[in-house]
Each structure stands twice: as C-alpha cells, then as structure tokens.
PDB file of N, CA and C in Angstrom:
ATOM      1  N   MET A   1      65.072-165.010-134.926  1.00  0.00           N
ATOM      2  CA  MET A   1      65.401-165.425-134.246  1.00  0.00           C
ATOM      3  C   MET A   1      64.858-166.816-133.857  1.00  0.00           C
ATOM      4  N   PRO A   2      64.902-168.431-133.973  1.00  0.00           N
ATOM      5  CA  PRO A   2      63.763-169.430-132.585  1.00  0.00           C
ATOM      6  C   PRO A   2      64.187-169.032-131.028  1.00  0.00           C
ATOM      7  N   ILE A   3      62.670-169.079-131.044  1.00  0.00           N
ATOM      8  CA  ILE A   3      62.528-168.871-129.959  1.00  0.00           C
ATOM      9  C   ILE A   3      64.301-169.467-128.840  1.00  0.00           C
ATOM     10  N   ARG A   4      64.217-170.908-128.902  1.00  0.00           N
ATOM     11  CA  ARG A   4      64.811-171.920-128.979  1.00  0.00           C
ATOM     12  C   ARG A   4      66.176-170.884-128.619  1.00  0.00           C
ATOM     13  N   ASP A   5      66.416-171.090-129.624  1.00  0.00           N
ATOM     14  CA  ASP A   5      67.754-170.051-129.771  1.00  0.00           C
ATOM     15  C   ASP A   5      67.551-169.029-128.555  1.00  0.00           C
ATOM     16  N   ALA A   6      66.999-168.806-128.039  1.00  0.00           N
ATOM     17  CA  ALA A   6      66.803-167.621-126.649  1.00  0.00           C
ATOM     18  C   ALA A   6      66.738-168.253-125.253  1.00  0.00           C
ATOM     19  N   LEU A   7      66.158-169.496-125.343  1.00  0.00           N
ATOM     20  CA  LEU A   7      65.754-170.448-124.294  1.00  0.00           C
ATOM     21  C   LEU A   7      67.229-171.120-123.804  1.00  0.00           C
ATOM     22  N   LEU A   8      68.156-171.895-124.742  1.00  0.00           N
ATOM     23  CA  LEU A   8      68.765-172.457-124.431  1.00  0.00           C
ATOM     24  C   LEU A   8      70.107-171.731-124.277  1.00  0.00           C
ATOM     25  N   PRO A   9      70.503-170.734-123.963  1.00  0.00           N
ATOM     26  CA  PRO A   9      71.174-170.381-123.126  1.00  0.00           C
ATOM     27  C   PRO A   9      70.892-170.501-121.606  1.00  0.00           C
ATOM     28  N   GLU A  10      69.814-169.445-121.459  1.00  0.00           N
ATOM     29  CA  GLU A  10      69.862-169.102-119.999  1.00  0.00           C
ATOM     30  C   GLU A  10      68.754-170.940-120.004  1.00  0.00           C
ATOM     31  N   PHE A  11      68.673-171.382-120.675  1.00  0.00           N
ATOM     32  CA  PHE A  11      68.424-173.092-119.540  1.00  0.00           C
ATOM     33  C   PHE A  11      70.017-173.402-118.986  1.00  0.00           C
ATOM     34  N   ASP A  12      70.921-173.992-120.081  1.00  0.00           N
ATOM     35  CA  ASP A  12      72.173-174.406-120.025  1.00  0.00           C
ATOM     36  C   ASP A  12      73.243-173.094-118.387  1.00  0.00           C
ATOM     37  N   HIS A  13      73.017-171.602-118.330  1.00  0.00           N
ATOM     38  CA  HIS A  13      74.149-171.464-117.535  1.00  0.00           C
ATOM     39  C   HIS A  13      73.097-171.567-116.066  1.00  0.00           C
ATOM     40  N   GLU A  14      71.244-171.624-115.898  1.00  0.00           N
ATOM     41  CA  GLU A  14      70.744-172.227-114.919  1.00  0.00           C
ATOM     42  C   GLU A  14      70.882-173.259-114.496  1.00  0.00           C
ATOM     43  N   MET A  15      71.214-174.607-115.062  1.00  0.00           N
ATOM     44  CA  MET A  15      71.276-175.601-115.205  1.00  0.00           C
ATOM     45  C   MET A  15      72.347-175.772-114.428  1.00  0.00           C
ATOM     46  N   ALA A  16      73.556-175.718-115.160  1.00  0.00           N
ATOM     47  CA  ALA A  16      74.731-175.381-114.988  1.00  0.00           C
ATOM     48  C   ALA A  16      75.388-174.826-113.153  1.00  0.00           C
ATOM     49  N   ASN A  17      74.003-173.511-112.529  1.00  0.00           N
ATOM     50  CA  ASN A  17      74.790-173.187-111.418  1.00  0.00           C
ATOM     51  C   ASN A  17      73.038-174.552-110.459  1.00  0.00           C
ATOM     52  N   THR A  18      72.400-174.807-110.846  1.00  0.00           N
ATOM     53  CA  THR A  18      71.993-175.894-109.893  1.00  0.00           C
ATOM     54  C   THR A  18      73.018-177.286-110.100  1.00  0.00           C
ATOM     55  N   ARG A  19      73.199-177.519-111.119  1.00  0.00           N
ATOM     56  CA  ARG A  19      74.194-178.601-110.823  1.00  0.00           C
ATOM     57  C   ARG A  19      75.794-178.395-109.677  1.00  0.00           C
ATOM     58  N   LYS A  20      75.798-176.875-109.404  1.00  0.00           N
ATOM     59  CA  LYS A  20      76.559-176.540-108.412  1.00  0.00           C
ATOM     60  C   LYS A  20      75.775-176.757-107.322  1.00  0.00           C
ATOM     61  N   VAL A  21      74.791-176.208-107.062  1.00  0.00           N
ATOM     62  CA  VAL A  21      74.707-176.883-105.575  1.00  0.00           C
ATOM     63  C   VAL A  21      73.649-178.236-105.861  1.00  0.00           C
ATOM     64  N   LEU A  22      73.372-179.264-106.192  1.00  0.00           N
ATOM     65  CA  LEU A  22      73.307-180.748-105.437  1.00  0.00           C
ATOM     66  C   LEU A  22      75.292-181.463-105.589  1.00  0.00           C
ATOM     67  N   GLU A  23      75.977-180.751-106.548  1.00  0.00           N
ATOM     68  CA  GLU A  23      77.073-181.555-106.541  1.00  0.00           C
ATOM     69  C   GLU A  23      77.875-181.321-104.429  1.00  0.00           C
ATOM     70  N   ARG A  24      77.121-180.708-104.434  1.00  0.00           N
ATOM     71  CA  ARG A  24      77.785-179.842-102.440  1.00  0.00           C
ATOM     72  C   ARG A  24      76.662-181.078-101.709  1.00  0.00           C
ATOM     73  N   VAL A  25      75.626-181.786-102.398  1.00  0.00           N
ATOM     74  CA  VAL A  25      74.817-183.022-100.712  1.00  0.00           C
ATOM     75  C   VAL A  25      75.620-183.986-100.916  1.00  0.00           C
ATOM     76  N   PRO A  26      75.738-183.725 -98.990  1.00  0.00           N
ATOM     77  CA  PRO A  26      76.815-184.387 -99.031  1.00  0.00           C
ATOM     78  C   PRO A  26      75.838-185.679 -98.512  1.00  0.00           C
ATOM     79  N   ASP A  27      76.666-186.632 -99.198  1.00  0.00           N
ATOM     80  CA  ASP A  27      76.329-187.960 -98.957  1.00  0.00           C
ATOM     81  C   ASP A  27      75.607-188.633 -98.183  1.00  0.00           C
ATOM     82  N   GLY A  28      76.553-188.364 -96.288  1.00  0.00           N
ATOM     83  CA  GLY A  28      76.017-188.701 -95.093  1.00  0.00           C
ATOM     84  C   GLY A  28      75.177-187.677 -94.628  1.00  0.00           C
ATOM     85  N   LYS A  29      74.662-187.272 -95.541  1.00  0.00           N
ATOM     86  CA  LYS A  29      73.675-186.030 -94.884  1.00  0.00           C
ATOM     87  C   LYS A  29      72.105-186.489 -94.996  1.00  0.00           C
ATOM     88  N   LEU A  30      72.019-187.520 -96.661  1.00  0.00           N
ATOM     89  CA  LEU A  30      70.503-187.682 -96.766  1.00  0.00           C
ATOM     90  C   LEU A  30      69.089-188.089 -95.606  1.00  0.00           C
ATOM     91  N   ASP A  31      69.445-188.449 -94.519  1.00  0.00           N
ATOM     92  CA  ASP A  31      68.637-188.549 -94.036  1.00  0.00           C
ATOM     93  C   ASP A  31      68.193-186.899 -93.372  1.00  0.00           C
ATOM     94  N   TRP A  32      69.451-186.026 -93.370  1.00  0.00           N
ATOM     95  CA  TRP A  32      69.023-184.748 -92.435  1.00  0.00           C
ATOM     96  C   TRP A  32      67.243-184.243 -92.722  1.00  0.00           C
ATOM     97  N   ARG A  33      67.158-182.902 -91.948  1.00  0.00           N
ATOM     98  CA  ARG A  33      65.853-182.242 -92.358  1.00  0.00           C
ATOM     99  C   ARG A  33      66.340-181.069 -92.309  1.00  0.00           C
ATOM    100  N   PRO A  34      65.703-179.940 -92.652  1.00  0.00           N
ATOM    101  CA  PRO A  34      65.841-178.532 -92.315  1.00  0.00           C
ATOM    102  C   PRO A  34      64.913-177.887 -91.964  1.00  0.00           C
ATOM    103  N   HIS A  35      64.047-179.329 -91.781  1.00  0.00           N
ATOM    104  CA  HIS A  35      63.172-178.752 -90.137  1.00  0.00           C
ATOM    105  C   HIS A  35      62.227-179.935 -90.051  1.00  0.00           C
ATOM    106  N   ALA A  36      61.643-179.749 -88.861  1.00  0.00           N
ATOM    107  CA  ALA A  36      60.489-181.315 -88.920  1.00  0.00           C
ATOM    108  C   ALA A  36      59.832-181.722 -89.642  1.00  0.00           C
ATOM    109  N   LYS A  37      58.978-180.788 -90.441  1.00  0.00           N
ATOM    110  CA  LYS A  37      57.780-180.280 -90.681  1.00  0.00           C
ATOM    111  C   LYS A  37      58.426-180.851 -92.744  1.00  0.00           C
ATOM    112  N   SER A  38      59.999-180.761 -92.650  1.00  0.00           N
ATOM    113  CA  SER A  38      60.394-180.785 -94.192  1.00  0.00           C
ATOM    114  C   SER A  38      60.511-182.380 -95.024  1.00  0.00           C
ATOM    115  N   GLY A  39      60.318-182.219 -96.280  1.00  0.00           N
ATOM    116  CA  GLY A  39      61.406-183.703 -96.634  1.00  0.00           C
ATOM    117  C   GLY A  39      63.173-184.146 -95.834  1.00  0.00           C
ATOM    118  N   THR A  40      63.315-184.745 -96.023  1.00  0.00           N
ATOM    119  CA  THR A  40      64.741-185.504 -95.950  1.00  0.00           C
ATOM    120  C   THR A  40      65.797-184.719 -97.463  1.00  0.00           C
ATOM    121  N   MET A  41      66.794-184.438 -96.666  1.00  0.00           N
ATOM    122  CA  MET A  41      67.369-183.800 -97.580  1.00  0.00           C
ATOM    123  C   MET A  41      67.694-184.595 -99.564  1.00  0.00           C
ATOM    124  N   ALA A  42      67.810-186.083 -99.039  1.00  0.00           N
ATOM    125  CA  ALA A  42      67.080-187.071-100.020  1.00  0.00           C
ATOM    126  C   ALA A  42      66.183-186.273-101.296  1.00  0.00           C
ATOM    127  N   TRP A  43      64.992-186.297-100.178  1.00  0.00           N
ATOM    128  CA  TRP A  43      63.883-185.897-101.057  1.00  0.00           C
ATOM    129  C   TRP A  43      63.602-184.724-101.645  1.00  0.00           C
ATOM    130  N   LEU A  44      64.593-183.586-100.781  1.00  0.00           N
ATOM    131  CA  LEU A  44      64.454-182.834-101.412  1.00  0.00           C
ATOM    132  C   LEU A  44      65.629-182.733-102.549  1.00  0.00           C
ATOM    133  N   ALA A  45      66.699-182.800-102.564  1.00  0.00           N
ATOM    134  CA  ALA A  45      67.971-183.015-103.891  1.00  0.00           C
ATOM    135  C   ALA A  45      66.753-183.877-104.425  1.00  0.00           C
ATOM    136  N   GLY A  46      66.275-184.657-104.338  1.00  0.00           N
ATOM    137  CA  GLY A  46      65.911-185.145-105.930  1.00  0.00           C
ATOM    138  C   GLY A  46      64.151-184.704-106.413  1.00  0.00           C
ATOM    139  N   HIS A  47      63.795-183.768-105.496  1.00  0.00           N
ATOM    140  CA  HIS A  47      62.896-183.162-106.102  1.00  0.00           C
ATOM    141  C   HIS A  47      63.943-181.915-107.086  1.00  0.00           C
ATOM    142  N   VAL A  48      64.603-181.745-106.832  1.00  0.00           N
ATOM    143  CA  VAL A  48      65.548-180.315-107.247  1.00  0.00           C
ATOM    144  C   VAL A  48      65.603-181.286-108.641  1.00  0.00           C
ATOM    145  N   ALA A  49      66.625-182.240-108.477  1.00  0.00           N
ATOM    146  CA  ALA A  49      67.373-182.456-110.090  1.00  0.00           C
ATOM    147  C   ALA A  49      65.974-183.387-110.302  1.00  0.00           C
ATOM    148  N   ASN A  50      64.818-183.427-109.878  1.00  0.00           N
ATOM    149  CA  ASN A  50      63.607-184.076-110.790  1.00  0.00           C
ATOM    150  C   ASN A  50      62.845-182.720-111.417  1.00  0.00           C
ATOM    151  N   LEU A  51      63.177-182.169-111.663  1.00  0.00           N
ATOM    152  CA  LEU A  51      62.080-181.049-112.073  1.00  0.00           C
ATOM    153  C   LEU A  51      62.296-180.350-112.984  1.00  0.00           C
ATOM    154  N   PRO A  52      63.662-180.659-113.764  1.00  0.00           N
ATOM    155  CA  PRO A  52      64.013-180.594-115.717  1.00  0.00           C
ATOM    156  C   PRO A  52      63.074-180.804-116.032  1.00  0.00           C
ATOM    157  N   SER A  53      62.361-182.434-115.693  1.00  0.00           N
ATOM    158  CA  SER A  53      61.845-183.278-116.751  1.00  0.00           C
ATOM    159  C   SER A  53      60.820-182.727-117.008  1.00  0.00           C
ATOM    160  N   TRP A  54      60.130-182.039-115.769  1.00  0.00           N
ATOM    161  CA  TRP A  54      58.897-180.982-116.676  1.00  0.00           C
ATOM    162  C   TRP A  54      59.048-180.463-117.225  1.00  0.00           C
ATOM    163  N   GLY A  55      60.007-180.010-118.089  1.00  0.00           N
ATOM    164  CA  GLY A  55      59.822-178.281-119.445  1.00  0.00           C
ATOM    165  C   GLY A  55      59.992-180.179-120.480  1.00  0.00           C
ATOM    166  N   GLY A  56      61.160-181.244-120.461  1.00  0.00           N
ATOM    167  CA  GLY A  56      60.768-182.139-121.166  1.00  0.00           C
ATOM    168  C   GLY A  56      58.753-182.427-121.498  1.00  0.00           C
ATOM    169  N   LEU A  57      58.122-182.691-120.267  1.00  0.00           N
ATOM    170  CA  LEU A  57      56.692-182.947-120.492  1.00  0.00           C
ATOM    171  C   LEU A  57      55.977-182.384-120.889  1.00  0.00           C
ATOM    172  N   ILE A  58      56.400-181.521-120.422  1.00  0.00           N
ATOM    173  CA  ILE A  58      55.133-180.025-121.407  1.00  0.00           C
ATOM    174  C   ILE A  58      55.781-180.216-122.640  1.00  0.00           C
ATOM    175  N   LEU A  59      56.605-180.117-122.760  1.00  0.00           N
ATOM    176  CA  LEU A  59      57.403-180.150-124.842  1.00  0.00           C
ATOM    177  C   LEU A  59      56.435-180.834-125.365  1.00  0.00           C
ATOM    178  N   ALA A  60      56.280-181.650-124.673  1.00  0.00           N
ATOM    179  CA  ALA A  60      55.554-182.983-125.945  1.00  0.00           C
ATOM    180  C   ALA A  60      54.082-183.061-125.418  1.00  0.00           C
ATOM    181  N   GLN A  61      53.434-182.276-124.775  1.00  0.00           N
ATOM    182  CA  GLN A  61      51.926-183.172-124.813  1.00  0.00           C
ATOM    183  C   GLN A  61      51.075-181.458-124.725  1.00  0.00           C
ATOM    184  N   ASP A  62      49.813-181.066-124.783  1.00  0.00           N
ATOM    185  CA  ASP A  62      49.514-180.102-124.008  1.00  0.00           C
ATOM    186  C   ASP A  62      48.641-179.403-123.108  1.00  0.00           C
ATOM    187  N   SER A  63      48.924-180.406-123.132  1.00  0.00           N
ATOM    188  CA  SER A  63      48.104-180.557-121.814  1.00  0.00           C
ATOM    189  C   SER A  63      49.471-181.667-120.482  1.00  0.00           C
ATOM    190  N   LEU A  64      49.484-181.084-118.798  1.00  0.00           N
ATOM    191  CA  LEU A  64      49.964-182.296-118.224  1.00  0.00           C
ATOM    192  C   LEU A  64      48.730-182.458-117.312  1.00  0.00           C
ATOM    193  N   ASP A  65      48.288-183.684-116.741  1.00  0.00           N
ATOM    194  CA  ASP A  65      47.491-184.153-115.583  1.00  0.00           C
ATOM    195  C   ASP A  65      48.055-184.070-113.907  1.00  0.00           C
ATOM    196  N   LEU A  66      48.579-183.419-113.354  1.00  0.00           N
ATOM    197  CA  LEU A  66      49.080-184.379-111.905  1.00  0.00           C
ATOM    198  C   LEU A  66      48.306-185.135-111.484  1.00  0.00           C
ATOM    199  N   GLU A  67      47.334-185.010-111.039  1.00  0.00           N
ATOM    200  CA  GLU A  67      46.099-186.368-111.074  1.00  0.00           C
ATOM    201  C   GLU A  67      45.975-187.177-111.944  1.00  0.00           C
ATOM    202  N   PRO A  68      46.415-187.902-113.027  1.00  0.00           N
ATOM    203  CA  PRO A  68      45.575-188.434-113.882  1.00  0.00           C
ATOM    204  C   PRO A  68      44.564-189.763-113.142  1.00  0.00           C
ATOM    205  N   GLY A  69      43.573-189.199-113.731  1.00  0.00           N
ATOM    206  CA  GLY A  69      42.312-190.809-112.764  1.00  0.00           C
ATOM    207  C   GLY A  69      42.098-190.021-111.065  1.00  0.00           C
ATOM    208  N   GLY A  70      42.820-189.145-110.647  1.00  0.00           N
ATOM    209  CA  GLY A  70      42.742-188.853-109.729  1.00  0.00           C
ATOM    210  C   GLY A  70      43.610-189.497-108.699  1.00  0.00           C
ATOM    211  N   LYS A  71      44.380-190.173-108.705  1.00  0.00           N
ATOM    212  CA  LYS A  71      45.789-191.086-108.509  1.00  0.00           C
ATOM    213  C   LYS A  71      46.637-189.876-108.692  1.00  0.00           C
ATOM    214  N   PRO A  72      47.805-189.099-107.785  1.00  0.00           N
ATOM    215  CA  PRO A  72      48.636-188.321-108.271  1.00  0.00           C
ATOM    216  C   PRO A  72      49.612-189.430-108.968  1.00  0.00           C
ATOM    217  N   LEU A  73      50.581-188.323-109.491  1.00  0.00           N
ATOM    218  CA  LEU A  73      51.623-189.088-110.883  1.00  0.00           C
ATOM    219  C   LEU A  73      52.594-189.592-109.401  1.00  0.00           C
ATOM    220  N   PRO A  74      53.337-190.607-110.108  1.00  0.00           N
ATOM    221  CA  PRO A  74      54.423-191.719-109.157  1.00  0.00           C
ATOM    222  C   PRO A  74      55.694-190.473-108.448  1.00  0.00           C
ATOM    223  N   SER A  75      56.145-190.595-107.812  1.00  0.00           N
ATOM    224  CA  SER A  75      56.652-189.903-107.357  1.00  0.00           C
ATOM    225  C   SER A  75      58.461-190.997-107.690  1.00  0.00           C
ATOM    226  N   ALA A  76      59.550-189.639-108.253  1.00  0.00           N
ATOM    227  CA  ALA A  76      60.306-190.285-108.647  1.00  0.00           C
ATOM    228  C   ALA A  76      61.302-190.985-107.170  1.00  0.00           C
ATOM    229  N   PRO A  77      61.461-192.578-107.555  1.00  0.00           N
ATOM    230  CA  PRO A  77      62.501-192.452-106.453  1.00  0.00           C
ATOM    231  C   PRO A  77      63.665-192.096-105.726  1.00  0.00           C
ATOM    232  N   LEU A  78      63.559-192.293-103.954  1.00  0.00           N
ATOM    233  CA  LEU A  78      64.393-191.432-104.079  1.00  0.00           C
ATOM    234  C   LEU A  78      65.992-191.619-104.205  1.00  0.00           C
ATOM    235  N   PRO A  79      66.296-191.220-104.104  1.00  0.00           N
ATOM    236  CA  PRO A  79      68.310-191.030-104.399  1.00  0.00           C
ATOM    237  C   PRO A  79      69.077-191.372-102.780  1.00  0.00           C
ATOM    238  N   LYS A  80      69.304-192.541-103.338  1.00  0.00           N
ATOM    239  CA  LYS A  80      70.837-192.215-102.332  1.00  0.00           C
ATOM    240  C   LYS A  80      71.504-192.635-101.961  1.00  0.00           C
ATOM    241  N   THR A  81      72.897-191.425-103.013  1.00  0.00           N
ATOM    242  CA  THR A  81      73.739-190.851-102.794  1.00  0.00           C
ATOM    243  C   THR A  81      74.099-189.680-103.246  1.00  0.00           C
ATOM    244  N   THR A  82      75.312-189.000-103.395  1.00  0.00           N
ATOM    245  CA  THR A  82      75.011-187.151-104.396  1.00  0.00           C
ATOM    246  C   THR A  82      74.879-188.067-106.367  1.00  0.00           C
ATOM    247  N   GLY A  83      76.193-188.689-106.136  1.00  0.00           N
ATOM    248  CA  GLY A  83      75.651-189.434-107.016  1.00  0.00           C
ATOM    249  C   GLY A  83      74.441-189.942-108.346  1.00  0.00           C
ATOM    250  N   ASP A  84      73.495-190.431-107.482  1.00  0.00           N
ATOM    251  CA  ASP A  84      72.335-190.504-108.083  1.00  0.00           C
ATOM    252  C   ASP A  84      70.773-189.396-108.223  1.00  0.00           C
ATOM    253  N   ILE A  85      71.539-188.134-107.655  1.00  0.00           N
ATOM    254  CA  ILE A  85      71.229-187.162-107.463  1.00  0.00           C
ATOM    255  C   ILE A  85      71.530-186.604-108.731  1.00  0.00           C
ATOM    256  N   LEU A  86      72.919-186.982-108.871  1.00  0.00           N
ATOM    257  CA  LEU A  86      73.385-186.242-110.448  1.00  0.00           C
ATOM    258  C   LEU A  86      72.940-186.758-111.162  1.00  0.00           C
ATOM    259  N   ALA A  87      73.028-187.670-111.529  1.00  0.00           N
ATOM    260  CA  ALA A  87      73.131-188.880-112.571  1.00  0.00           C
ATOM    261  C   ALA A  87      71.160-188.440-112.761  1.00  0.00           C
ATOM    262  N   MET A  88      70.186-188.417-112.189  1.00  0.00           N
ATOM    263  CA  MET A  88      68.797-187.936-112.542  1.00  0.00           C
ATOM    264  C   MET A  88      68.938-186.488-112.801  1.00  0.00           C
ATOM    265  N   PHE A  89      69.339-185.783-112.830  1.00  0.00           N
ATOM    266  CA  PHE A  89      69.352-183.927-112.952  1.00  0.00           C
ATOM    267  C   PHE A  89      69.691-184.178-114.369  1.00  0.00           C
ATOM    268  N   ASP A  90      71.488-184.839-114.642  1.00  0.00           N
ATOM    269  CA  ASP A  90      71.421-185.013-116.320  1.00  0.00           C
ATOM    270  C   ASP A  90      70.853-185.383-116.710  1.00  0.00           C
ATOM    271  N   LYS A  91      70.590-186.869-116.777  1.00  0.00           N
ATOM    272  CA  LYS A  91      69.636-187.307-117.021  1.00  0.00           C
ATOM    273  C   LYS A  91      68.386-186.430-118.041  1.00  0.00           C
ATOM    274  N   ASN A  92      67.798-185.809-116.815  1.00  0.00           N
ATOM    275  CA  ASN A  92      66.419-185.220-116.693  1.00  0.00           C
ATOM    276  C   ASN A  92      67.252-183.314-117.859  1.00  0.00           C
ATOM    277  N   VAL A  93      68.256-183.252-117.182  1.00  0.00           N
ATOM    278  CA  VAL A  93      68.318-181.930-118.186  1.00  0.00           C
ATOM    279  C   VAL A  93      68.457-182.098-119.652  1.00  0.00           C
ATOM    280  N   ALA A  94      68.931-183.691-120.222  1.00  0.00           N
ATOM    281  CA  ALA A  94      69.635-183.497-120.997  1.00  0.00           C
ATOM    282  C   ALA A  94      67.884-183.573-121.836  1.00  0.00           C
ATOM    283  N   ALA A  95      67.429-184.554-121.146  1.00  0.00           N
ATOM    284  CA  ALA A  95      65.846-184.562-122.340  1.00  0.00           C
ATOM    285  C   ALA A  95      65.350-183.077-122.482  1.00  0.00           C
ATOM    286  N   THR A  96      65.142-182.832-121.493  1.00  0.00           N
ATOM    287  CA  THR A  96      64.551-181.080-121.762  1.00  0.00           C
ATOM    288  C   THR A  96      65.118-180.305-122.168  1.00  0.00           C
ATOM    289  N   ARG A  97      66.696-180.355-122.883  1.00  0.00           N
ATOM    290  CA  ARG A  97      67.315-179.291-123.227  1.00  0.00           C
ATOM    291  C   ARG A  97      67.253-179.880-125.372  1.00  0.00           C
ATOM    292  N   GLN A  98      66.639-181.246-124.825  1.00  0.00           N
ATOM    293  CA  GLN A  98      66.741-181.560-126.600  1.00  0.00           C
ATOM    294  C   GLN A  98      65.569-181.329-127.207  1.00  0.00           C
ATOM    295  N   ALA A  99      64.771-181.256-125.906  1.00  0.00           N
ATOM    296  CA  ALA A  99      63.339-180.669-126.518  1.00  0.00           C
ATOM    297  C   ALA A  99      62.746-179.627-126.821  1.00  0.00           C
ATOM    298  N   ILE A 100      63.727-178.703-126.193  1.00  0.00           N
ATOM    299  CA  ILE A 100      63.924-177.456-126.237  1.00  0.00           C
ATOM    300  C   ILE A 100      64.487-176.953-127.648  1.00  0.00           C
ATOM    301  N   ALA A 101      66.074-177.517-127.735  1.00  0.00           N
ATOM    302  CA  ALA A 101      66.569-177.483-128.789  1.00  0.00           C
ATOM    303  C   ALA A 101      65.250-177.848-130.130  1.00  0.00           C
ATOM    304  N   ALA A 102      64.162-179.139-130.444  1.00  0.00           N
ATOM    305  CA  ALA A 102      63.254-179.228-131.344  1.00  0.00           C
ATOM    306  C   ALA A 102      62.856-178.442-131.972  1.00  0.00           C
ATOM    307  N   ALA A 103      61.951-177.823-130.709  1.00  0.00           N
ATOM    308  CA  ALA A 103      60.625-176.566-130.712  1.00  0.00           C
ATOM    309  C   ALA A 103      60.904-176.299-131.768  1.00  0.00           C
ATOM    310  N   GLU A 104      59.818-175.813-132.154  1.00  0.00           N
ATOM    311  CA  GLU A 104      60.178-174.622-133.114  1.00  0.00           C
ATOM    312  C   GLU A 104      58.650-173.546-131.935  1.00  0.00           C
ATOM    313  N   ASP A 105      58.766-172.218-132.562  1.00  0.00           N
ATOM    314  CA  ASP A 105      58.187-171.037-132.293  1.00  0.00           C
ATOM    315  C   ASP A 105      56.830-171.799-131.937  1.00  0.00           C
ATOM    316  N   ALA A 106      56.104-171.729-132.885  1.00  0.00           N
ATOM    317  CA  ALA A 106      54.640-172.396-132.880  1.00  0.00           C
ATOM    318  C   ALA A 106      54.616-173.249-131.802  1.00  0.00           C
ATOM    319  N   HIS A 107      55.372-174.183-132.219  1.00  0.00           N
ATOM    320  CA  HIS A 107      54.952-175.223-131.087  1.00  0.00           C
ATOM    321  C   HIS A 107      55.474-174.049-129.095  1.00  0.00           C
ATOM    322  N   LEU A 108      56.180-173.495-128.990  1.00  0.00           N
ATOM    323  CA  LEU A 108      56.698-173.013-127.718  1.00  0.00           C
ATOM    324  C   LEU A 108      55.993-171.845-127.432  1.00  0.00           C
ATOM    325  N   MET A 109      55.125-171.105-128.873  1.00  0.00           N
ATOM    326  CA  MET A 109      53.765-169.804-128.543  1.00  0.00           C
ATOM    327  C   MET A 109      52.954-170.774-127.903  1.00  0.00           C
ATOM    328  N   LYS A 110      52.286-171.831-128.335  1.00  0.00           N
ATOM    329  CA  LYS A 110      50.568-172.362-127.566  1.00  0.00           C
ATOM    330  C   LYS A 110      50.742-173.411-126.034  1.00  0.00           C
ATOM    331  N   PRO A 111      49.781-172.445-125.692  1.00  0.00           N
ATOM    332  CA  PRO A 111      49.563-172.499-124.157  1.00  0.00           C
ATOM    333  C   PRO A 111      49.223-174.040-124.082  1.00  0.00           C
ATOM    334  N   CYS A 112      49.987-174.598-122.532  1.00  0.00           N
ATOM    335  CA  CYS A 112      50.274-175.276-121.771  1.00  0.00           C
ATOM    336  C   CYS A 112      48.681-175.132-121.028  1.00  0.00           C
ATOM    337  N   ARG A 113      48.504-176.912-120.644  1.00  0.00           N
ATOM    338  CA  ARG A 113      47.553-176.933-119.597  1.00  0.00           C
ATOM    339  C   ARG A 113      48.257-177.503-118.229  1.00  0.00           C
ATOM    340  N   CYS A 114      48.963-176.746-117.659  1.00  0.00           N
ATOM    341  CA  CYS A 114      48.719-177.459-116.217  1.00  0.00           C
ATOM    342  C   CYS A 114      47.539-178.259-114.943  1.00  0.00           C
ATOM    343  N   ARG A 115      46.785-178.789-114.774  1.00  0.00           N
ATOM    344  CA  ARG A 115      46.111-179.443-113.738  1.00  0.00           C
ATOM    345  C   ARG A 115      45.555-180.563-113.178  1.00  0.00           C
ATOM    346  N   ARG A 116      44.833-181.006-112.023  1.00  0.00           N
ATOM    347  CA  ARG A 116      44.657-182.070-111.420  1.00  0.00           C
ATOM    348  C   ARG A 116      43.328-182.388-112.429  1.00  0.00           C
ATOM    349  N   THR A 117      43.302-183.554-112.918  1.00  0.00           N
ATOM    350  CA  THR A 117      41.828-184.325-113.062  1.00  0.00           C
ATOM    351  C   THR A 117      40.564-183.876-112.133  1.00  0.00           C
ATOM    352  N   ASP A 118      41.097-184.107-110.849  1.00  0.00           N
ATOM    353  CA  ASP A 118      39.390-183.556-109.650  1.00  0.00           C
ATOM    354  C   ASP A 118      39.476-181.840-109.601  1.00  0.00           C
ATOM    355  N   ALA A 119      39.847-181.205-109.800  1.00  0.00           N
ATOM    356  CA  ALA A 119      40.455-179.771-109.658  1.00  0.00           C
ATOM    357  C   ALA A 119      39.488-179.184-110.463  1.00  0.00           C
ATOM    358  N   PRO A 120      38.532-177.718-109.611  1.00  0.00           N
ATOM    359  CA  PRO A 120      37.823-177.725-111.465  1.00  0.00           C
ATOM    360  C   PRO A 120      38.827-176.563-112.401  1.00  0.00           C
ATOM    361  N   SER A 121      38.251-176.427-113.183  1.00  0.00           N
ATOM    362  CA  SER A 121      39.010-175.843-114.500  1.00  0.00           C
ATOM    363  C   SER A 121      38.215-174.102-114.812  1.00  0.00           C
TER     364      SER A 121
END
C-alpha cells in the first residue's frame, strides 16, 4: 500500500475535527484574547486555519526556510469573520490533500529540512 493511502484517511479525519473547532469560533469575539500575552482569537484561529498549508509547502520542496534572506515569511492576513477562517482552512486543506494524494513513496521518504536562514545548521 502506498504511504499516501495510509496518510489520507488520517489527514481527512484530523482536518474534519479541526474544522469543527473552527466552525465554533464566534464572529463577535475575534478581538478576544485568552490571555494578555496571547494573540487575538482572529490570529489564533487564522494560525490554525493556515497550518494545513505547511504540508503542501513541505511536499513541494526539499527545504523550507522560515526566514529567507533573514526576513520572516509574510503572515497570512487576519481573518475578519468565521467564514474567512473556514474559507482559508478549506483552501489550505484541499491544496495539501491534493499534494499528499499525488506524492510517491520515494518523495515522502525523503528528509525535509525546515530552517531559518540566520540559524546555525
């Protein structure tokens, strides 16, 4: 059995559960912070909605530089509504699912390096 065939059911299960959580983010509370040092609900939910995109990025290249040229990758725009959060999540999930479905075992077995340009190797 190809690795992707083992990964996809688990991916689908986890993404369905994550979507259920994001569906419950209240529109009227996107400025709320769980703690004074925390990001807003919009930032936190947007971060969770953006995380699935990392899978596609990692599958598309052998190395992921989080600070190319010493500058952090640009942040995704803050969502303004729960609908924005879900749309971002659905788009990212679909792209990564497609990348996993197309991946061959040899590619999935290759090491991937995640780094920062200025950090020691």
